[in-house]
Amino acid sequence: MRREVLHRFLQNTDNTGRFVVQSKITGITYYVEPIDSGKPDKLWGDVDPVTKKLTGDYGNIRRGAVKPSESLITEENGFVNINTFKGSPLAEIDRRDKIYEKNYK
């Protein structure tokens, strides 16, 4: 992976949700980037008493995920074995480690 991408990957993690995990079993480093392609389940802000419309976007600023177009995990940025899935990234890492342990030890 390119060095400048690694530097950007770990910036602003409260907003992006990106994090890095190094497996103690395999030594593999996993780069995790939650992707959010939809609208939030609940919108947060203030209801204007006159128009009865939601104003502001306070609770939706720090989503802990990025849009697909903002993803840094691409082949162009030097990543290999890129996968997407639904569910917990830590559970997926654990599942992969168990497969590795079973097949290579």
Protein backbone atom coordinates (compact mmCIF):
# COMPACT_ATOMS: atom_id res chain seq x y z
CA MET A 1 0.00 0.00 0.00
CA ARG A 2 1.19 3.49 -0.75
CA ARG A 3 2.51 5.40 2.27
CA GLU A 4 0.39 8.51 1.66
CA VAL A 5 -2.74 6.34 1.57
CA LEU A 6 -1.87 4.82 4.95
CA HIS A 7 -1.45 8.32 6.37
CA ARG A 8 -4.87 9.38 5.01
CA PHE A 9 -6.46 6.08 6.07
CA LEU A 10 -6.00 6.78 9.76
CA GLN A 11 -7.07 10.44 9.68
CA ASN A 12 -10.49 11.50 10.92
CA THR A 13 -11.46 7.99 12.03
CA ASP A 14 -14.44 9.24 14.06
CA ASN A 15 -16.09 10.24 10.81
CA THR A 16 -14.79 7.53 8.50
CA GLY A 17 -14.88 4.51 10.82
CA ARG A 18 -11.63 3.24 9.30
CA PHE A 19 -9.35 1.14 11.48
CA VAL A 20 -6.50 -1.36 11.24
CA VAL A 21 -6.27 -4.79 12.90
CA GLN A 22 -3.23 -7.03 12.95
CA SER A 23 -4.07 -10.67 13.64
CA LYS A 24 -2.09 -12.27 16.45
CA ILE A 25 -2.71 -15.66 14.86
CA THR A 26 -1.69 -15.02 11.24
CA GLY A 27 0.17 -11.72 11.46
CA ILE A 28 -2.00 -10.43 8.61
CA THR A 29 -2.89 -6.75 8.78
CA TYR A 30 -6.51 -5.99 7.93
CA TYR A 31 -7.61 -2.53 6.84
CA VAL A 32 -11.28 -2.03 7.65
CA GLU A 33 -13.40 0.64 6.05
CA PRO A 34 -17.15 0.65 6.73
CA ILE A 35 -19.09 1.58 3.60
CA ASP A 36 -22.42 3.37 3.90
CA SER A 37 -24.31 3.61 0.64
CA GLY A 38 -27.69 4.55 2.05
CA LYS A 39 -29.48 7.04 4.19
CA PRO A 40 -29.41 6.67 7.96
CA ASP A 41 -32.30 4.86 9.66
CA LYS A 42 -33.02 7.95 11.72
CA LEU A 43 -32.29 11.55 10.94
CA TRP A 44 -31.21 13.94 13.68
CA GLY A 45 -31.58 17.70 13.88
CA ASP A 46 -34.09 20.34 14.92
CA VAL A 47 -37.71 20.55 13.84
CA ASP A 48 -38.56 24.04 12.66
CA PRO A 49 -41.75 24.96 14.58
CA VAL A 50 -43.15 26.94 11.65
CA THR A 51 -42.44 24.60 8.72
CA LYS A 52 -42.38 21.37 10.76
CA LYS A 53 -39.35 20.33 8.66
CA LEU A 54 -36.10 18.89 9.96
CA THR A 55 -33.24 21.41 9.95
CA GLY A 56 -29.60 20.82 10.74
CA ASP A 57 -27.83 17.53 10.32
CA TYR A 58 -26.08 17.22 13.65
CA GLY A 59 -26.34 13.51 14.30
CA ASN A 60 -25.54 12.55 10.74
CA ILE A 61 -22.18 14.28 10.47
CA ARG A 62 -20.13 11.59 12.24
CA ARG A 63 -21.44 8.48 10.57
CA GLY A 64 -18.48 6.18 11.20
CA ALA A 65 -18.52 5.11 7.56
CA VAL A 66 -17.65 6.41 4.11
CA LYS A 67 -19.56 6.55 0.85
CA PRO A 68 -18.41 4.07 -1.79
CA SER A 69 -16.95 6.94 -3.82
CA GLU A 70 -14.77 7.96 -0.83
CA SER A 71 -13.23 4.52 -0.33
CA LEU A 72 -9.46 4.33 -0.03
CA ILE A 73 -9.38 0.54 -0.23
CA THR A 74 -8.79 0.11 -3.95
CA GLU A 75 -6.31 -1.76 -6.13
CA GLU A 76 -5.09 1.62 -7.40
CA ASN A 77 -4.04 2.46 -3.83
CA GLY A 78 -2.13 -0.80 -3.51
CA PHE A 79 -4.62 -2.99 -1.64
CA VAL A 80 -4.99 -6.67 -2.53
CA ASN A 81 -7.59 -9.29 -1.62
CA ILE A 82 -10.36 -6.68 -1.28
CA ASN A 83 -13.67 -8.03 0.00
CA THR A 84 -16.96 -6.57 1.10
CA PHE A 85 -19.43 -8.24 3.43
CA LYS A 86 -22.24 -7.46 5.82
CA GLY A 87 -21.80 -7.84 9.55
CA SER A 88 -19.02 -7.36 12.05
CA PRO A 89 -15.54 -6.88 10.57
CA LEU A 90 -13.99 -8.36 13.72
CA ALA A 91 -16.12 -11.49 13.38
CA GLU A 92 -15.03 -11.77 9.74
CA ILE A 93 -11.36 -11.43 10.71
CA ASP A 94 -11.86 -14.12 13.36
CA ARG A 95 -13.54 -16.39 10.79
CA ARG A 96 -10.66 -15.94 8.34
CA ASP A 97 -8.07 -16.58 11.06
CA LYS A 98 -9.81 -19.84 12.00
CA ILE A 99 -9.72 -20.99 8.37
CA TYR A 100 -6.03 -20.10 8.17
CA GLU A 101 -5.31 -21.92 11.43
CA LYS A 102 -7.17 -25.02 10.23
CA ASN A 103 -5.53 -25.12 6.80
CA TYR A 104 -1.98 -24.01 7.51
CA LYS A 105 -0.99 -25.31 10.93
